[in-house]
Amino acid sequence: MNAIIEVKQVKAQDFQLLKDVLNNYVSMQKTLSTIMSNPRNYMKDLSIAVEMWYEFNKKTAGQTVPENSTLKLSLHRALVLLDALLEFRKQASTIDGEISRCIRFATAIDEQIPTATQLIA
């Protein structure tokens, strides 16, 4: 199964939030990969998060992002972004806009993630 997760109505400022979320997650994964006994457990998510950050940065650097973009993610990218959003939400300051946008994106992703049964069918 080739699951594609779509997040609709992504605004230009949302891409900056997503880059911040991924940057935070990369930092956390990098730290965990250096202190934990099996760093390879963290390197996979770290590499996916870095790849997405560069993709989002390329999309936004020096360009005008359409006001309502659709973000299409493969399942493994969606899972990493979901983890990054949830972690950022826990660590975020009390800036309600950031927290609510994180929750909106996390919910949109979570609702589309297939079950294990659906994946093997």
N, C-alpha and C. Protein backbone atom coordinates (compact mmCIF):
# COMPACT_ATOMS: atom_id res chain seq x y z
N MET A 1 0.84 -1.17 0.00
CA MET A 1 0.00 0.00 0.00
C MET A 1 0.89 1.24 0.00
N ASN A 2 0.58 2.16 -0.85
CA ASN A 2 1.32 3.41 -0.92
C ASN A 2 0.45 4.53 -0.38
N ALA A 3 0.47 4.70 0.92
CA ALA A 3 -0.39 5.69 1.57
C ALA A 3 0.17 7.09 1.39
N ILE A 4 -0.68 7.98 0.93
CA ILE A 4 -0.33 9.39 0.81
C ILE A 4 -1.23 10.17 1.76
N ILE A 5 -0.62 10.92 2.63
CA ILE A 5 -1.34 11.73 3.60
C ILE A 5 -1.35 13.16 3.06
N GLU A 6 -2.54 13.75 3.01
CA GLU A 6 -2.66 15.12 2.51
C GLU A 6 -3.10 16.06 3.62
N VAL A 7 -2.39 17.16 3.73
CA VAL A 7 -2.78 18.22 4.65
C VAL A 7 -3.13 19.42 3.77
N LYS A 8 -4.38 19.84 3.88
CA LYS A 8 -4.87 20.91 3.01
C LYS A 8 -4.84 22.25 3.73
N GLN A 9 -4.91 23.29 2.95
CA GLN A 9 -4.94 24.67 3.43
C GLN A 9 -3.72 25.02 4.27
N VAL A 10 -2.55 24.68 3.74
CA VAL A 10 -1.29 25.04 4.38
C VAL A 10 -0.91 26.43 3.86
N LYS A 11 -0.82 27.37 4.76
CA LYS A 11 -0.50 28.74 4.40
C LYS A 11 1.01 28.97 4.43
N ALA A 12 1.44 30.06 3.85
CA ALA A 12 2.87 30.38 3.80
C ALA A 12 3.49 30.41 5.21
N GLN A 13 2.80 31.03 6.17
CA GLN A 13 3.35 31.10 7.54
C GLN A 13 3.37 29.73 8.20
N ASP A 14 2.53 28.81 7.74
CA ASP A 14 2.53 27.46 8.29
C ASP A 14 3.81 26.72 7.93
N PHE A 15 4.36 27.00 6.75
CA PHE A 15 5.61 26.34 6.38
C PHE A 15 6.74 26.76 7.32
N GLN A 16 6.74 28.01 7.77
CA GLN A 16 7.74 28.44 8.74
C GLN A 16 7.56 27.69 10.05
N LEU A 17 6.32 27.53 10.48
CA LEU A 17 6.05 26.76 11.70
C LEU A 17 6.53 25.32 11.52
N LEU A 18 6.24 24.72 10.38
CA LEU A 18 6.66 23.33 10.14
C LEU A 18 8.18 23.22 10.14
N LYS A 19 8.86 24.21 9.59
CA LYS A 19 10.33 24.20 9.63
C LYS A 19 10.82 24.31 11.07
N ASP A 20 10.18 25.16 11.88
CA ASP A 20 10.55 25.27 13.30
C ASP A 20 10.31 23.96 14.03
N VAL A 21 9.18 23.34 13.74
CA VAL A 21 8.83 22.05 14.35
C VAL A 21 9.88 21.01 14.00
N LEU A 22 10.25 20.94 12.73
CA LEU A 22 11.24 19.96 12.29
C LEU A 22 12.62 20.27 12.85
N ASN A 23 12.98 21.54 12.92
CA ASN A 23 14.27 21.92 13.48
C ASN A 23 14.37 21.49 14.94
N ASN A 24 13.31 21.70 15.70
CA ASN A 24 13.25 21.28 17.09
C ASN A 24 13.39 19.75 17.19
N TYR A 25 12.69 19.05 16.32
CA TYR A 25 12.71 17.58 16.34
C TYR A 25 14.09 17.05 15.97
N VAL A 26 14.71 17.67 14.96
CA VAL A 26 16.06 17.26 14.56
C VAL A 26 17.03 17.41 15.72
N SER A 27 16.92 18.52 16.42
CA SER A 27 17.80 18.75 17.57
C SER A 27 17.60 17.68 18.63
N MET A 28 16.35 17.34 18.90
CA MET A 28 16.05 16.31 19.90
C MET A 28 16.57 14.94 19.45
N GLN A 29 16.32 14.58 18.19
CA GLN A 29 16.77 13.29 17.68
C GLN A 29 18.30 13.20 17.66
N LYS A 30 18.94 14.30 17.33
CA LYS A 30 20.40 14.32 17.31
C LYS A 30 20.95 14.08 18.71
N THR A 31 20.35 14.73 19.70
CA THR A 31 20.77 14.53 21.08
C THR A 31 20.55 13.10 21.51
N LEU A 32 19.38 12.56 21.21
CA LEU A 32 19.09 11.18 21.59
C LEU A 32 20.03 10.19 20.91
N SER A 33 20.38 10.45 19.65
CA SER A 33 21.26 9.52 18.94
C SER A 33 22.67 9.52 19.52
N THR A 34 23.06 10.59 20.20
CA THR A 34 24.39 10.63 20.79
C THR A 34 24.44 10.05 22.20
N ILE A 35 23.30 10.08 22.92
CA ILE A 35 23.35 9.62 24.31
C ILE A 35 22.75 8.23 24.52
N MET A 36 21.95 7.76 23.59
CA MET A 36 21.30 6.47 23.77
C MET A 36 22.21 5.35 23.25
N SER A 37 21.94 4.13 23.71
CA SER A 37 22.81 3.01 23.38
C SER A 37 22.71 2.56 21.92
N ASN A 38 21.57 2.76 21.28
CA ASN A 38 21.44 2.37 19.88
C ASN A 38 21.06 3.59 19.04
N PRO A 39 22.06 4.32 18.54
CA PRO A 39 21.78 5.56 17.83
C PRO A 39 21.00 5.36 16.52
N ARG A 40 21.08 4.18 15.94
CA ARG A 40 20.37 3.96 14.68
C ARG A 40 18.85 4.07 14.84
N ASN A 41 18.35 3.84 16.04
CA ASN A 41 16.91 3.99 16.27
C ASN A 41 16.45 5.42 16.03
N TYR A 42 17.33 6.38 16.20
CA TYR A 42 17.00 7.79 16.07
C TYR A 42 17.44 8.38 14.73
N MET A 43 18.42 7.76 14.10
CA MET A 43 18.98 8.29 12.87
C MET A 43 17.98 8.27 11.71
N LYS A 44 17.11 7.29 11.68
CA LYS A 44 16.11 7.21 10.60
C LYS A 44 15.18 8.41 10.66
N ASP A 45 14.59 8.66 11.81
CA ASP A 45 13.69 9.81 11.96
C ASP A 45 14.45 11.12 11.76
N LEU A 46 15.68 11.17 12.23
CA LEU A 46 16.51 12.35 12.06
C LEU A 46 16.72 12.66 10.58
N SER A 47 17.06 11.65 9.81
CA SER A 47 17.32 11.87 8.38
C SER A 47 16.05 12.28 7.63
N ILE A 48 14.92 11.69 7.97
CA ILE A 48 13.65 12.05 7.33
C ILE A 48 13.28 13.49 7.68
N ALA A 49 13.45 13.87 8.94
CA ALA A 49 13.12 15.23 9.37
C ALA A 49 14.02 16.26 8.68
N VAL A 50 15.30 15.97 8.56
CA VAL A 50 16.22 16.89 7.89
C VAL A 50 15.83 17.03 6.42
N GLU A 51 15.51 15.93 5.79
CA GLU A 51 15.10 15.94 4.39
C GLU A 51 13.85 16.81 4.19
N MET A 52 12.87 16.65 5.07
CA MET A 52 11.65 17.45 4.96
C MET A 52 11.94 18.93 5.21
N TRP A 53 12.82 19.24 6.19
CA TRP A 53 13.15 20.63 6.47
C TRP A 53 13.73 21.29 5.22
N TYR A 54 14.66 20.60 4.57
CA TYR A 54 15.27 21.17 3.36
C TYR A 54 14.23 21.32 2.25
N GLU A 55 13.32 20.38 2.14
CA GLU A 55 12.27 20.48 1.14
C GLU A 55 11.36 21.69 1.41
N PHE A 56 10.96 21.88 2.65
CA PHE A 56 10.12 23.02 3.01
C PHE A 56 10.88 24.33 2.83
N ASN A 57 12.16 24.33 3.17
CA ASN A 57 12.97 25.53 3.01
C ASN A 57 13.12 25.89 1.54
N LYS A 58 13.34 24.89 0.72
CA LYS A 58 13.46 25.12 -0.73
C LYS A 58 12.15 25.68 -1.29
N LYS A 59 11.05 25.17 -0.78
CA LYS A 59 9.73 25.60 -1.25
C LYS A 59 9.45 27.05 -0.87
N THR A 60 10.01 27.51 0.23
CA THR A 60 9.68 28.85 0.73
C THR A 60 10.78 29.89 0.50
N ALA A 61 12.00 29.47 0.28
CA ALA A 61 13.12 30.42 0.15
C ALA A 61 13.02 31.18 -1.17
N GLY A 62 12.85 32.48 -1.07
CA GLY A 62 12.83 33.32 -2.25
C GLY A 62 11.64 33.14 -3.16
N GLN A 63 10.62 32.46 -2.67
CA GLN A 63 9.43 32.22 -3.47
C GLN A 63 8.19 32.62 -2.69
N THR A 64 7.16 32.90 -3.42
CA THR A 64 5.88 33.14 -2.79
C THR A 64 5.10 31.83 -2.79
N VAL A 65 4.79 31.35 -1.62
CA VAL A 65 4.04 30.10 -1.49
C VAL A 65 2.57 30.42 -1.70
N PRO A 66 1.87 29.61 -2.49
CA PRO A 66 0.42 29.85 -2.64
C PRO A 66 -0.26 29.90 -1.29
N GLU A 67 -1.29 30.72 -1.18
CA GLU A 67 -1.96 30.94 0.10
C GLU A 67 -2.53 29.66 0.72
N ASN A 68 -3.05 28.77 -0.08
CA ASN A 68 -3.61 27.52 0.44
C ASN A 68 -3.02 26.34 -0.31
N SER A 69 -1.85 25.92 0.10
CA SER A 69 -1.18 24.78 -0.51
C SER A 69 -1.72 23.48 0.08
N THR A 70 -1.50 22.41 -0.65
CA THR A 70 -1.77 21.07 -0.13
C THR A 70 -0.44 20.37 0.04
N LEU A 71 -0.22 19.85 1.21
CA LEU A 71 1.02 19.16 1.53
C LEU A 71 0.77 17.66 1.41
N LYS A 72 1.48 17.02 0.49
CA LYS A 72 1.33 15.58 0.30
C LYS A 72 2.55 14.88 0.88
N LEU A 73 2.29 13.93 1.78
CA LEU A 73 3.37 13.24 2.49
C LEU A 73 3.22 11.73 2.35
N SER A 74 4.34 11.07 2.16
CA SER A 74 4.34 9.61 2.24
C SER A 74 4.09 9.23 3.69
N LEU A 75 3.75 7.99 3.93
CA LEU A 75 3.41 7.55 5.28
C LEU A 75 4.57 7.77 6.26
N HIS A 76 5.78 7.40 5.87
CA HIS A 76 6.90 7.54 6.81
C HIS A 76 7.18 9.01 7.12
N ARG A 77 7.03 9.90 6.14
CA ARG A 77 7.21 11.32 6.40
C ARG A 77 6.09 11.85 7.29
N ALA A 78 4.88 11.41 7.04
CA ALA A 78 3.74 11.85 7.85
C ALA A 78 3.92 11.43 9.31
N LEU A 79 4.42 10.23 9.53
CA LEU A 79 4.62 9.76 10.90
C LEU A 79 5.70 10.57 11.61
N VAL A 80 6.78 10.89 10.91
CA VAL A 80 7.84 11.70 11.51
C VAL A 80 7.33 13.11 11.80
N LEU A 81 6.61 13.69 10.85
CA LEU A 81 6.08 15.04 11.06
C LEU A 81 5.07 15.04 12.21
N LEU A 82 4.26 14.01 12.31
CA LEU A 82 3.31 13.90 13.42
C LEU A 82 4.04 13.87 14.76
N ASP A 83 5.08 13.04 14.86
CA ASP A 83 5.87 12.99 16.10
C ASP A 83 6.50 14.35 16.41
N ALA A 84 7.00 15.02 15.36
CA ALA A 84 7.63 16.32 15.55
C ALA A 84 6.61 17.35 16.02
N LEU A 85 5.41 17.33 15.45
CA LEU A 85 4.36 18.26 15.85
C LEU A 85 3.95 18.04 17.30
N LEU A 86 3.78 16.79 17.67
CA LEU A 86 3.36 16.49 19.05
C LEU A 86 4.44 16.87 20.06
N GLU A 87 5.69 16.65 19.70
CA GLU A 87 6.79 17.02 20.58
C GLU A 87 6.90 18.54 20.71
N PHE A 88 6.76 19.23 19.60
CA PHE A 88 6.83 20.70 19.60
C PHE A 88 5.69 21.28 20.44
N ARG A 89 4.52 20.69 20.31
CA ARG A 89 3.36 21.17 21.08
C ARG A 89 3.63 21.07 22.57
N LYS A 90 4.28 20.00 22.99
CA LYS A 90 4.60 19.83 24.42
C LYS A 90 5.60 20.88 24.89
N GLN A 91 6.52 21.25 24.00
CA GLN A 91 7.59 22.16 24.38
C GLN A 91 7.29 23.62 24.05
N ALA A 92 6.24 23.87 23.29
CA ALA A 92 5.96 25.22 22.82
C ALA A 92 5.62 26.16 23.96
N SER A 93 5.91 27.41 23.72
CA SER A 93 5.52 28.42 24.70
C SER A 93 4.01 28.56 24.66
N THR A 94 3.52 29.51 25.33
CA THR A 94 2.06 29.66 25.40
C THR A 94 1.50 30.45 24.23
N ILE A 95 2.21 30.46 23.13
CA ILE A 95 1.71 31.14 21.94
C ILE A 95 0.59 30.28 21.37
N ASP A 96 -0.64 30.71 21.62
CA ASP A 96 -1.80 29.92 21.26
C ASP A 96 -1.87 29.60 19.78
N GLY A 97 -1.45 30.54 18.94
CA GLY A 97 -1.51 30.31 17.50
C GLY A 97 -0.65 29.14 17.08
N GLU A 98 0.55 29.04 17.61
CA GLU A 98 1.44 27.93 17.27
C GLU A 98 0.87 26.60 17.76
N ILE A 99 0.40 26.60 18.99
CA ILE A 99 -0.13 25.36 19.55
C ILE A 99 -1.35 24.89 18.78
N SER A 100 -2.25 25.81 18.49
CA SER A 100 -3.47 25.41 17.76
C SER A 100 -3.15 24.95 16.34
N ARG A 101 -2.17 25.59 15.69
CA ARG A 101 -1.80 25.13 14.35
C ARG A 101 -1.14 23.76 14.41
N CYS A 102 -0.31 23.53 15.43
CA CYS A 102 0.30 22.20 15.60
C CYS A 102 -0.79 21.14 15.78
N ILE A 103 -1.76 21.44 16.61
CA ILE A 103 -2.86 20.50 16.85
C ILE A 103 -3.65 20.25 15.57
N ARG A 104 -3.89 21.32 14.80
CA ARG A 104 -4.63 21.17 13.54
C ARG A 104 -3.89 20.26 12.57
N PHE A 105 -2.59 20.48 12.41
CA PHE A 105 -1.82 19.64 11.51
C PHE A 105 -1.72 18.20 12.02
N ALA A 106 -1.48 18.04 13.32
CA ALA A 106 -1.37 16.70 13.90
C ALA A 106 -2.67 15.93 13.72
N THR A 107 -3.79 16.60 13.94
CA THR A 107 -5.09 15.94 13.77
C THR A 107 -5.33 15.56 12.32
N ALA A 108 -5.01 16.45 11.41
CA ALA A 108 -5.20 16.16 9.98
C ALA A 108 -4.37 14.97 9.53
N ILE A 109 -3.16 14.85 10.05
CA ILE A 109 -2.30 13.71 9.71
C ILE A 109 -2.80 12.45 10.37
N ASP A 110 -3.07 12.54 11.68
CA ASP A 110 -3.47 11.37 12.45
C ASP A 110 -4.74 10.72 11.90
N GLU A 111 -5.69 11.52 11.45
CA GLU A 111 -6.94 10.99 10.92
C GLU A 111 -6.75 10.17 9.65
N GLN A 112 -5.66 10.39 8.94
CA GLN A 112 -5.45 9.71 7.67
C GLN A 112 -4.49 8.53 7.75
N ILE A 113 -3.85 8.32 8.88
CA ILE A 113 -2.89 7.24 9.00
C ILE A 113 -3.62 5.91 9.01
N PRO A 114 -3.25 5.03 8.08
CA PRO A 114 -3.92 3.74 8.02
C PRO A 114 -3.56 2.85 9.20
N THR A 115 -4.44 1.92 9.50
CA THR A 115 -4.18 0.95 10.55
C THR A 115 -3.20 -0.11 10.01
N ALA A 116 -2.66 -0.91 10.89
CA ALA A 116 -1.74 -1.97 10.46
C ALA A 116 -2.44 -2.94 9.52
N THR A 117 -3.71 -3.23 9.79
CA THR A 117 -4.48 -4.12 8.92
C THR A 117 -4.64 -3.53 7.53
N GLN A 118 -4.91 -2.23 7.45
CA GLN A 118 -5.04 -1.58 6.16
C GLN A 118 -3.73 -1.58 5.39
N LEU A 119 -2.62 -1.47 6.09
CA LEU A 119 -1.32 -1.44 5.43
C LEU A 119 -0.98 -2.76 4.76
N ILE A 120 -1.36 -3.87 5.38
CA ILE A 120 -0.99 -5.16 4.81
C ILE A 120 -2.04 -5.72 3.86
N ALA A 121 -3.17 -5.04 3.76
CA ALA A 121 -4.23 -5.53 2.88
C ALA A 121 -3.92 -5.23 1.44
